[in-house]
Amino acid sequence: MASIKFSGASNTGYQTGVNHGVIRHRVDAEQDYDDFRREVHELQEEIQGLRVKIQHLEQLAERGSNTTSVSAGAPSSVGFFRFRTCVVLFFLIFLNVAGSAILGIYWAVRFDKMGDGFTAAGWLVAIGTLLLAGPIAYHYPRCSCWITSDKPYIGRVNTLE
């Protein structure tokens, strides 16, 4: 028969002569099991979160495969604010024409040479037109700036076919 000896406090709060190691291992095993269950629960929550993300990405992929273009209905954007690309191009065209007119008038008034001033203004319009022709030609066939859900084609005819 085993005798019980109390020799002070230990990890378990009591100590026995024969069963001391068994009790300590049982308490450690229970703590390890609780830690293991906690980790498993955390991993299950993380897996569930990843499943939700995967389902969301699959839905986005299905929507993208149903349309001809992923962003066919969305207007083009520049930076943080949403600007239609057409509006940006119109603004650059306006700056080109207004800048050339201001240059022509300034040159005519300042140097008293109207012919030279409007020749320079003509050159400015020509250079601006050359610089804007590429972006306009690239944007036009892909333009979705004015497409809405209820009117998918507002008078635009594809001339490149």
N, C-alpha and C. Protein backbone atom coordinates (compact mmCIF):
# COMPACT_ATOMS: atom_id res chain seq x y z
N MET A 1 0.84 -1.16 0.00
CA MET A 1 0.00 0.00 0.00
C MET A 1 0.88 1.23 0.00
N ALA A 2 0.51 2.22 -0.75
CA ALA A 2 1.32 3.43 -0.87
C ALA A 2 0.97 4.41 0.23
N SER A 3 1.96 5.06 0.71
CA SER A 3 1.74 6.04 1.77
C SER A 3 1.73 7.44 1.18
N ILE A 4 0.96 8.33 1.79
CA ILE A 4 0.85 9.70 1.32
C ILE A 4 1.71 10.58 2.21
N LYS A 5 2.61 11.34 1.59
CA LYS A 5 3.48 12.24 2.33
C LYS A 5 3.23 13.66 1.82
N PHE A 6 2.95 14.59 2.69
CA PHE A 6 2.80 15.99 2.32
C PHE A 6 4.12 16.69 2.60
N SER A 7 4.83 17.05 1.57
CA SER A 7 6.13 17.67 1.79
C SER A 7 6.16 19.10 1.24
N GLY A 8 5.05 19.76 1.14
CA GLY A 8 5.03 21.14 0.68
C GLY A 8 4.26 21.27 -0.64
N ALA A 9 4.24 22.48 -1.13
CA ALA A 9 3.48 22.78 -2.33
C ALA A 9 4.27 22.41 -3.58
N SER A 10 3.56 22.04 -4.59
CA SER A 10 4.18 21.75 -5.89
C SER A 10 3.29 22.38 -6.96
N ASN A 11 3.48 21.98 -8.21
CA ASN A 11 2.67 22.52 -9.30
C ASN A 11 1.20 22.21 -9.11
N THR A 12 0.90 21.06 -8.52
CA THR A 12 -0.49 20.65 -8.37
C THR A 12 -1.08 21.10 -7.05
N GLY A 13 -0.29 21.65 -6.15
CA GLY A 13 -0.80 22.11 -4.87
C GLY A 13 -0.63 21.07 -3.79
N TYR A 14 -0.32 19.84 -4.13
CA TYR A 14 -0.08 18.80 -3.13
C TYR A 14 0.89 17.79 -3.73
N GLN A 15 1.44 16.97 -2.91
CA GLN A 15 2.41 16.01 -3.39
C GLN A 15 2.14 14.67 -2.71
N THR A 16 2.25 13.63 -3.45
CA THR A 16 2.12 12.29 -2.86
C THR A 16 3.42 11.55 -3.08
N GLY A 17 3.64 10.58 -2.27
CA GLY A 17 4.89 9.84 -2.37
C GLY A 17 4.99 9.06 -3.65
N VAL A 18 4.00 8.23 -3.96
CA VAL A 18 4.06 7.34 -5.11
C VAL A 18 3.43 7.99 -6.34
N ASN A 19 2.29 8.64 -6.16
CA ASN A 19 1.51 9.15 -7.29
C ASN A 19 1.89 10.58 -7.70
N HIS A 20 2.92 11.14 -7.14
CA HIS A 20 3.29 12.53 -7.43
C HIS A 20 3.51 12.75 -8.92
N GLY A 21 4.27 11.93 -9.58
CA GLY A 21 4.56 12.08 -11.00
C GLY A 21 3.33 11.88 -11.86
N VAL A 22 2.46 10.96 -11.48
CA VAL A 22 1.26 10.67 -12.26
C VAL A 22 0.31 11.85 -12.23
N ILE A 23 0.12 12.45 -11.07
CA ILE A 23 -0.80 13.58 -10.95
C ILE A 23 -0.27 14.78 -11.72
N ARG A 24 1.03 15.06 -11.59
CA ARG A 24 1.59 16.21 -12.30
C ARG A 24 1.45 16.01 -13.80
N HIS A 25 1.70 14.79 -14.29
CA HIS A 25 1.57 14.53 -15.72
C HIS A 25 0.11 14.63 -16.17
N ARG A 26 -0.82 14.21 -15.30
CA ARG A 26 -2.23 14.31 -15.66
C ARG A 26 -2.64 15.78 -15.77
N VAL A 27 -2.21 16.62 -14.84
CA VAL A 27 -2.53 18.05 -14.88
C VAL A 27 -1.89 18.70 -16.10
N ASP A 28 -0.62 18.38 -16.38
CA ASP A 28 0.04 18.92 -17.57
C ASP A 28 -0.66 18.46 -18.84
N ALA A 29 -1.10 17.20 -18.87
CA ALA A 29 -1.79 16.68 -20.05
C ALA A 29 -3.13 17.39 -20.25
N GLU A 30 -3.84 17.67 -19.16
CA GLU A 30 -5.11 18.39 -19.28
C GLU A 30 -4.89 19.81 -19.78
N GLN A 31 -3.84 20.48 -19.30
CA GLN A 31 -3.54 21.83 -19.78
C GLN A 31 -3.13 21.81 -21.24
N ASP A 32 -2.31 20.82 -21.61
CA ASP A 32 -1.92 20.69 -23.01
C ASP A 32 -3.13 20.42 -23.89
N TYR A 33 -4.04 19.58 -23.41
CA TYR A 33 -5.25 19.28 -24.17
C TYR A 33 -6.11 20.53 -24.34
N ASP A 34 -6.26 21.33 -23.28
CA ASP A 34 -7.02 22.58 -23.38
C ASP A 34 -6.36 23.54 -24.35
N ASP A 35 -5.03 23.65 -24.30
CA ASP A 35 -4.30 24.51 -25.24
C ASP A 35 -4.49 24.01 -26.68
N PHE A 36 -4.43 22.69 -26.84
CA PHE A 36 -4.62 22.10 -28.16
C PHE A 36 -6.01 22.40 -28.70
N ARG A 37 -7.03 22.23 -27.86
CA ARG A 37 -8.40 22.51 -28.29
C ARG A 37 -8.58 23.98 -28.65
N ARG A 38 -7.96 24.88 -27.89
CA ARG A 38 -8.04 26.31 -28.16
C ARG A 38 -7.39 26.61 -29.52
N GLU A 39 -6.23 26.03 -29.79
CA GLU A 39 -5.55 26.25 -31.08
C GLU A 39 -6.37 25.69 -32.24
N VAL A 40 -6.96 24.50 -32.03
CA VAL A 40 -7.80 23.91 -33.07
C VAL A 40 -9.00 24.81 -33.35
N HIS A 41 -9.60 25.35 -32.30
CA HIS A 41 -10.75 26.24 -32.48
C HIS A 41 -10.35 27.51 -33.25
N GLU A 42 -9.19 28.07 -32.92
CA GLU A 42 -8.72 29.27 -33.63
C GLU A 42 -8.45 28.95 -35.10
N LEU A 43 -7.85 27.78 -35.36
CA LEU A 43 -7.60 27.39 -36.75
C LEU A 43 -8.90 27.15 -37.51
N GLN A 44 -9.90 26.58 -36.85
CA GLN A 44 -11.20 26.38 -37.50
C GLN A 44 -11.85 27.71 -37.86
N GLU A 45 -11.73 28.70 -36.98
CA GLU A 45 -12.27 30.03 -37.28
C GLU A 45 -11.53 30.65 -38.45
N GLU A 46 -10.21 30.49 -38.48
CA GLU A 46 -9.42 31.05 -39.58
C GLU A 46 -9.77 30.37 -40.91
N ILE A 47 -9.96 29.04 -40.87
CA ILE A 47 -10.34 28.30 -42.07
C ILE A 47 -11.71 28.77 -42.55
N GLN A 48 -12.65 28.99 -41.63
CA GLN A 48 -13.98 29.47 -42.02
C GLN A 48 -13.89 30.84 -42.67
N GLY A 49 -13.05 31.71 -42.13
CA GLY A 49 -12.86 33.03 -42.74
C GLY A 49 -12.28 32.92 -44.14
N LEU A 50 -11.34 32.00 -44.33
CA LEU A 50 -10.75 31.80 -45.66
C LEU A 50 -11.78 31.22 -46.63
N ARG A 51 -12.66 30.35 -46.15
CA ARG A 51 -13.72 29.81 -47.01
C ARG A 51 -14.65 30.92 -47.49
N VAL A 52 -14.97 31.85 -46.61
CA VAL A 52 -15.83 32.98 -47.00
C VAL A 52 -15.13 33.82 -48.07
N LYS A 53 -13.83 34.07 -47.89
CA LYS A 53 -13.08 34.84 -48.89
C LYS A 53 -13.03 34.11 -50.22
N ILE A 54 -12.83 32.78 -50.19
CA ILE A 54 -12.78 32.01 -51.42
C ILE A 54 -14.12 32.05 -52.14
N GLN A 55 -15.22 31.93 -51.40
CA GLN A 55 -16.54 32.01 -52.02
C GLN A 55 -16.76 33.37 -52.66
N HIS A 56 -16.31 34.42 -51.98
CA HIS A 56 -16.46 35.77 -52.54
C HIS A 56 -15.64 35.90 -53.84
N LEU A 57 -14.42 35.38 -53.84
CA LEU A 57 -13.60 35.45 -55.05
C LEU A 57 -14.19 34.61 -56.18
N GLU A 58 -14.77 33.47 -55.85
CA GLU A 58 -15.42 32.65 -56.88
C GLU A 58 -16.62 33.38 -57.48
N GLN A 59 -17.39 34.09 -56.65
CA GLN A 59 -18.52 34.86 -57.17
C GLN A 59 -18.03 35.98 -58.08
N LEU A 60 -16.94 36.64 -57.70
CA LEU A 60 -16.39 37.68 -58.56
C LEU A 60 -15.91 37.10 -59.88
N ALA A 61 -15.29 35.92 -59.84
CA ALA A 61 -14.82 35.28 -61.07
C ALA A 61 -15.98 34.89 -61.98
N GLU A 62 -17.08 34.42 -61.38
CA GLU A 62 -18.25 34.07 -62.18
C GLU A 62 -18.85 35.31 -62.83
N ARG A 63 -18.92 36.41 -62.09
CA ARG A 63 -19.44 37.65 -62.67
C ARG A 63 -18.54 38.13 -63.79
N GLY A 64 -17.24 38.00 -63.62
CA GLY A 64 -16.29 38.44 -64.65
C GLY A 64 -16.36 37.59 -65.89
N SER A 65 -16.64 36.29 -65.76
CA SER A 65 -16.71 35.43 -66.93
C SER A 65 -18.02 35.62 -67.69
N ASN A 66 -19.04 36.18 -67.06
CA ASN A 66 -20.32 36.40 -67.71
C ASN A 66 -20.34 37.65 -68.57
N THR A 67 -19.38 38.55 -68.37
CA THR A 67 -19.35 39.79 -69.14
C THR A 67 -18.16 39.76 -70.08
N THR A 68 -18.20 40.62 -71.08
CA THR A 68 -17.10 40.67 -72.04
C THR A 68 -15.89 41.36 -71.44
N SER A 69 -16.12 42.31 -70.57
CA SER A 69 -15.03 43.02 -69.93
C SER A 69 -15.32 43.11 -68.44
N VAL A 70 -14.29 42.99 -67.63
CA VAL A 70 -14.50 43.01 -66.19
C VAL A 70 -15.04 44.35 -65.75
N SER A 71 -14.57 45.44 -66.34
CA SER A 71 -15.00 46.77 -65.93
C SER A 71 -15.83 47.44 -67.02
N ALA A 72 -16.67 46.67 -67.71
CA ALA A 72 -17.42 47.22 -68.83
C ALA A 72 -18.40 48.29 -68.37
N GLY A 73 -19.01 48.14 -67.22
CA GLY A 73 -20.00 49.09 -66.78
C GLY A 73 -19.44 50.19 -65.91
N ALA A 74 -18.21 50.04 -65.43
CA ALA A 74 -17.64 51.02 -64.53
C ALA A 74 -16.93 52.11 -65.31
N PRO A 75 -17.09 53.35 -64.89
CA PRO A 75 -16.36 54.42 -65.56
C PRO A 75 -14.87 54.33 -65.24
N SER A 76 -14.08 54.87 -66.14
CA SER A 76 -12.64 54.89 -65.91
C SER A 76 -12.33 55.81 -64.76
N SER A 77 -11.24 55.57 -64.07
CA SER A 77 -10.90 56.41 -62.94
C SER A 77 -9.44 56.82 -63.01
N VAL A 78 -9.17 57.97 -62.47
CA VAL A 78 -7.81 58.48 -62.39
C VAL A 78 -7.56 58.80 -60.93
N GLY A 79 -6.60 58.10 -60.32
CA GLY A 79 -6.27 58.36 -58.93
C GLY A 79 -7.40 57.97 -57.99
N PHE A 80 -7.55 58.74 -56.93
CA PHE A 80 -8.55 58.43 -55.91
C PHE A 80 -9.95 58.84 -56.36
N PHE A 81 -10.06 59.99 -57.00
CA PHE A 81 -11.36 60.48 -57.44
C PHE A 81 -11.74 59.81 -58.74
N ARG A 82 -13.04 59.60 -58.93
CA ARG A 82 -13.50 58.94 -60.14
C ARG A 82 -13.80 59.97 -61.21
N PHE A 83 -12.97 60.03 -62.22
CA PHE A 83 -13.18 60.89 -63.36
C PHE A 83 -13.36 60.00 -64.58
N ARG A 84 -14.29 60.37 -65.43
CA ARG A 84 -14.41 59.67 -66.69
C ARG A 84 -13.22 60.05 -67.55
N THR A 85 -12.68 59.07 -68.24
CA THR A 85 -11.52 59.32 -69.09
C THR A 85 -11.88 60.34 -70.18
N CYS A 86 -13.07 60.27 -70.70
CA CYS A 86 -13.50 61.23 -71.73
C CYS A 86 -13.45 62.66 -71.19
N VAL A 87 -13.86 62.85 -69.94
CA VAL A 87 -13.86 64.19 -69.35
C VAL A 87 -12.43 64.69 -69.22
N VAL A 88 -11.52 63.83 -68.81
CA VAL A 88 -10.11 64.22 -68.70
C VAL A 88 -9.56 64.59 -70.07
N LEU A 89 -9.89 63.79 -71.09
CA LEU A 89 -9.41 64.10 -72.45
C LEU A 89 -10.02 65.42 -72.96
N PHE A 90 -11.33 65.64 -72.70
CA PHE A 90 -11.95 66.91 -73.10
C PHE A 90 -11.27 68.09 -72.40
N PHE A 91 -10.95 67.93 -71.14
CA PHE A 91 -10.29 68.99 -70.39
C PHE A 91 -8.91 69.29 -70.97
N LEU A 92 -8.17 68.24 -71.34
CA LEU A 92 -6.85 68.46 -71.95
C LEU A 92 -6.97 69.14 -73.31
N ILE A 93 -7.99 68.79 -74.08
CA ILE A 93 -8.23 69.46 -75.36
C ILE A 93 -8.55 70.93 -75.13
N PHE A 94 -9.41 71.20 -74.14
CA PHE A 94 -9.75 72.59 -73.81
C PHE A 94 -8.50 73.38 -73.39
N LEU A 95 -7.65 72.76 -72.53
CA LEU A 95 -6.42 73.44 -72.14
C LEU A 95 -5.52 73.73 -73.33
N ASN A 96 -5.47 72.80 -74.28
CA ASN A 96 -4.65 72.99 -75.47
C ASN A 96 -5.15 74.18 -76.29
N VAL A 97 -6.45 74.23 -76.55
CA VAL A 97 -7.02 75.31 -77.37
C VAL A 97 -6.96 76.64 -76.62
N ALA A 98 -7.34 76.65 -75.34
CA ALA A 98 -7.30 77.90 -74.57
C ALA A 98 -5.87 78.40 -74.41
N GLY A 99 -4.94 77.49 -74.16
CA GLY A 99 -3.54 77.89 -74.03
C GLY A 99 -2.98 78.49 -75.31
N SER A 100 -3.36 77.90 -76.43
CA SER A 100 -2.87 78.44 -77.70
C SER A 100 -3.49 79.81 -77.98
N ALA A 101 -4.78 79.99 -77.64
CA ALA A 101 -5.42 81.30 -77.84
C ALA A 101 -4.77 82.35 -76.94
N ILE A 102 -4.52 82.00 -75.69
CA ILE A 102 -3.87 82.94 -74.77
C ILE A 102 -2.47 83.29 -75.27
N LEU A 103 -1.73 82.27 -75.74
CA LEU A 103 -0.39 82.54 -76.28
C LEU A 103 -0.46 83.47 -77.49
N GLY A 104 -1.40 83.22 -78.40
CA GLY A 104 -1.52 84.07 -79.59
C GLY A 104 -1.87 85.51 -79.23
N ILE A 105 -2.82 85.70 -78.31
CA ILE A 105 -3.21 87.06 -77.92
C ILE A 105 -2.08 87.75 -77.17
N TYR A 106 -1.43 87.02 -76.26
CA TYR A 106 -0.32 87.61 -75.50
C TYR A 106 0.81 88.05 -76.44
N TRP A 107 1.16 87.18 -77.37
CA TRP A 107 2.26 87.50 -78.29
C TRP A 107 1.89 88.70 -79.15
N ALA A 108 0.64 88.77 -79.61
CA ALA A 108 0.20 89.89 -80.45
C ALA A 108 0.23 91.20 -79.68
N VAL A 109 -0.17 91.18 -78.40
CA VAL A 109 -0.21 92.40 -77.61
C VAL A 109 1.20 92.78 -77.14
N ARG A 110 1.96 91.84 -76.64
CA ARG A 110 3.27 92.12 -76.05
C ARG A 110 4.30 92.52 -77.09
N PHE A 111 4.38 91.81 -78.19
CA PHE A 111 5.42 92.06 -79.19
C PHE A 111 4.89 92.78 -80.43
N ASP A 112 3.60 93.06 -80.48
CA ASP A 112 2.96 93.78 -81.58
C ASP A 112 3.18 93.07 -82.92
N LYS A 113 3.16 91.73 -82.87
CA LYS A 113 3.31 90.92 -84.09
C LYS A 113 2.24 89.84 -84.07
N MET A 114 1.08 90.17 -84.64
CA MET A 114 -0.04 89.25 -84.59
C MET A 114 0.24 87.99 -85.39
N GLY A 115 0.86 88.09 -86.53
CA GLY A 115 1.16 86.92 -87.37
C GLY A 115 2.05 85.91 -86.65
N ASP A 116 3.10 86.42 -86.00
CA ASP A 116 4.00 85.52 -85.28
C ASP A 116 3.30 84.87 -84.07
N GLY A 117 2.47 85.64 -83.38
CA GLY A 117 1.77 85.12 -82.21
C GLY A 117 0.84 83.99 -82.57
N PHE A 118 0.05 84.15 -83.61
CA PHE A 118 -0.90 83.10 -83.95
C PHE A 118 -0.24 81.96 -84.72
N THR A 119 0.95 82.19 -85.28
CA THR A 119 1.73 81.08 -85.82
C THR A 119 2.20 80.19 -84.67
N ALA A 120 2.69 80.82 -83.60
CA ALA A 120 3.09 80.05 -82.42
C ALA A 120 1.89 79.33 -81.80
N ALA A 121 0.72 80.01 -81.80
CA ALA A 121 -0.49 79.38 -81.27
C ALA A 121 -0.88 78.18 -82.13
N GLY A 122 -0.72 78.29 -83.43
CA GLY A 122 -1.02 77.17 -84.34
C GLY A 122 -0.07 75.99 -84.07
N TRP A 123 1.19 76.29 -83.84
CA TRP A 123 2.14 75.24 -83.50
C TRP A 123 1.75 74.55 -82.18
N LEU A 124 1.31 75.34 -81.21
CA LEU A 124 0.91 74.77 -79.93
C LEU A 124 -0.30 73.83 -80.10
N VAL A 125 -1.26 74.23 -80.93
CA VAL A 125 -2.41 73.37 -81.20
C VAL A 125 -1.96 72.10 -81.90
N ALA A 126 -1.04 72.21 -82.86
CA ALA A 126 -0.57 71.03 -83.59
C ALA A 126 0.15 70.06 -82.66
N ILE A 127 1.02 70.57 -81.80
CA ILE A 127 1.76 69.70 -80.87
C ILE A 127 0.79 69.06 -79.87
N GLY A 128 -0.16 69.84 -79.35
CA GLY A 128 -1.15 69.29 -78.42
C GLY A 128 -2.00 68.22 -79.07
N THR A 129 -2.37 68.43 -80.34
CA THR A 129 -3.16 67.45 -81.06
C THR A 129 -2.38 66.15 -81.25
N LEU A 130 -1.10 66.29 -81.59
CA LEU A 130 -0.27 65.08 -81.74
C LEU A 130 -0.13 64.33 -80.41
N LEU A 131 0.01 65.06 -79.32
CA LEU A 131 0.15 64.42 -78.02
C LEU A 131 -1.14 63.77 -77.55
N LEU A 132 -2.29 64.34 -77.90
CA LEU A 132 -3.57 63.79 -77.45
C LEU A 132 -4.15 62.75 -78.40
N ALA A 133 -3.64 62.67 -79.62
CA ALA A 133 -4.21 61.73 -80.60
C ALA A 133 -4.05 60.28 -80.13
N GLY A 134 -2.92 59.94 -79.57
CA GLY A 134 -2.70 58.56 -79.10
C GLY A 134 -3.66 58.14 -78.00
N PRO A 135 -3.73 58.91 -76.90
CA PRO A 135 -4.69 58.53 -75.86
C PRO A 135 -6.14 58.51 -76.33
N ILE A 136 -6.52 59.43 -77.21
CA ILE A 136 -7.90 59.43 -77.71
C ILE A 136 -8.15 58.20 -78.57
N ALA A 137 -7.19 57.86 -79.45
CA ALA A 137 -7.36 56.68 -80.31
C ALA A 137 -7.37 55.40 -79.49
N TYR A 138 -6.63 55.35 -78.41
CA TYR A 138 -6.63 54.16 -77.54
C TYR A 138 -7.93 54.05 -76.75
N HIS A 139 -8.43 55.18 -76.28
CA HIS A 139 -9.61 55.16 -75.41
C HIS A 139 -10.91 54.94 -76.18
N TYR A 140 -11.04 55.49 -77.36
CA TYR A 140 -12.32 55.48 -78.07
C TYR A 140 -12.92 54.08 -78.25
N PRO A 141 -12.19 53.08 -78.76
CA PRO A 141 -12.84 51.77 -78.96
C PRO A 141 -13.20 51.07 -77.65
N ARG A 142 -12.56 51.44 -76.56
CA ARG A 142 -12.81 50.79 -75.27
C ARG A 142 -13.68 51.64 -74.35
N CYS A 143 -14.19 52.75 -74.85
CA CYS A 143 -14.89 53.72 -74.01
C CYS A 143 -16.15 53.12 -73.39
N SER A 144 -16.22 53.22 -72.06
CA SER A 144 -17.44 52.83 -71.34
C SER A 144 -17.83 53.94 -70.39
N CYS A 145 -17.39 55.16 -70.70
CA CYS A 145 -17.61 56.30 -69.81
C CYS A 145 -19.08 56.69 -69.71
N TRP A 146 -19.84 56.52 -70.79
CA TRP A 146 -21.21 57.02 -70.81
C TRP A 146 -22.22 55.89 -70.81
N ILE A 147 -21.77 54.65 -70.61
CA ILE A 147 -22.67 53.50 -70.60
C ILE A 147 -23.32 53.39 -69.22
N THR A 148 -24.63 53.27 -69.22
CA THR A 148 -25.36 53.03 -67.98
C THR A 148 -26.05 51.68 -68.10
N SER A 149 -26.58 51.20 -66.99
CA SER A 149 -27.19 49.87 -67.01
C SER A 149 -28.48 49.83 -67.83
N ASP A 150 -29.21 50.96 -67.87
CA ASP A 150 -30.48 50.95 -68.62
C ASP A 150 -30.29 51.31 -70.09
N LYS A 151 -29.17 51.97 -70.45
CA LYS A 151 -28.89 52.32 -71.84
C LYS A 151 -27.47 51.88 -72.17
N PRO A 152 -27.29 50.62 -72.54
CA PRO A 152 -25.93 50.14 -72.73
C PRO A 152 -25.18 50.79 -73.88
N TYR A 153 -25.89 51.18 -74.94
CA TYR A 153 -25.21 51.84 -76.06
C TYR A 153 -25.94 53.13 -76.38
N ILE A 154 -25.33 54.24 -76.07
CA ILE A 154 -25.97 55.53 -76.31
C ILE A 154 -25.40 56.08 -77.62
N GLY A 155 -25.89 55.61 -78.72
CA GLY A 155 -25.54 56.15 -80.01
C GLY A 155 -24.11 55.88 -80.46
N ARG A 156 -23.37 55.07 -79.75
CA ARG A 156 -21.99 54.82 -80.15
C ARG A 156 -21.96 53.67 -81.13
N VAL A 157 -21.32 53.88 -82.27
CA VAL A 157 -21.20 52.85 -83.29
C VAL A 157 -19.74 52.47 -83.35
N ASN A 158 -19.45 51.20 -83.35
CA ASN A 158 -18.06 50.75 -83.43
C ASN A 158 -17.62 50.86 -84.89
N THR A 159 -16.73 51.80 -85.17
CA THR A 159 -16.28 52.04 -86.54
C THR A 159 -15.06 51.21 -86.90
N LEU A 160 -14.55 50.45 -85.95
CA LEU A 160 -13.33 49.69 -86.20
C LEU A 160 -13.61 48.27 -86.70
N GLU A 161 -14.87 47.89 -86.83
CA GLU A 161 -15.18 46.53 -87.30
C GLU A 161 -15.29 46.47 -88.79
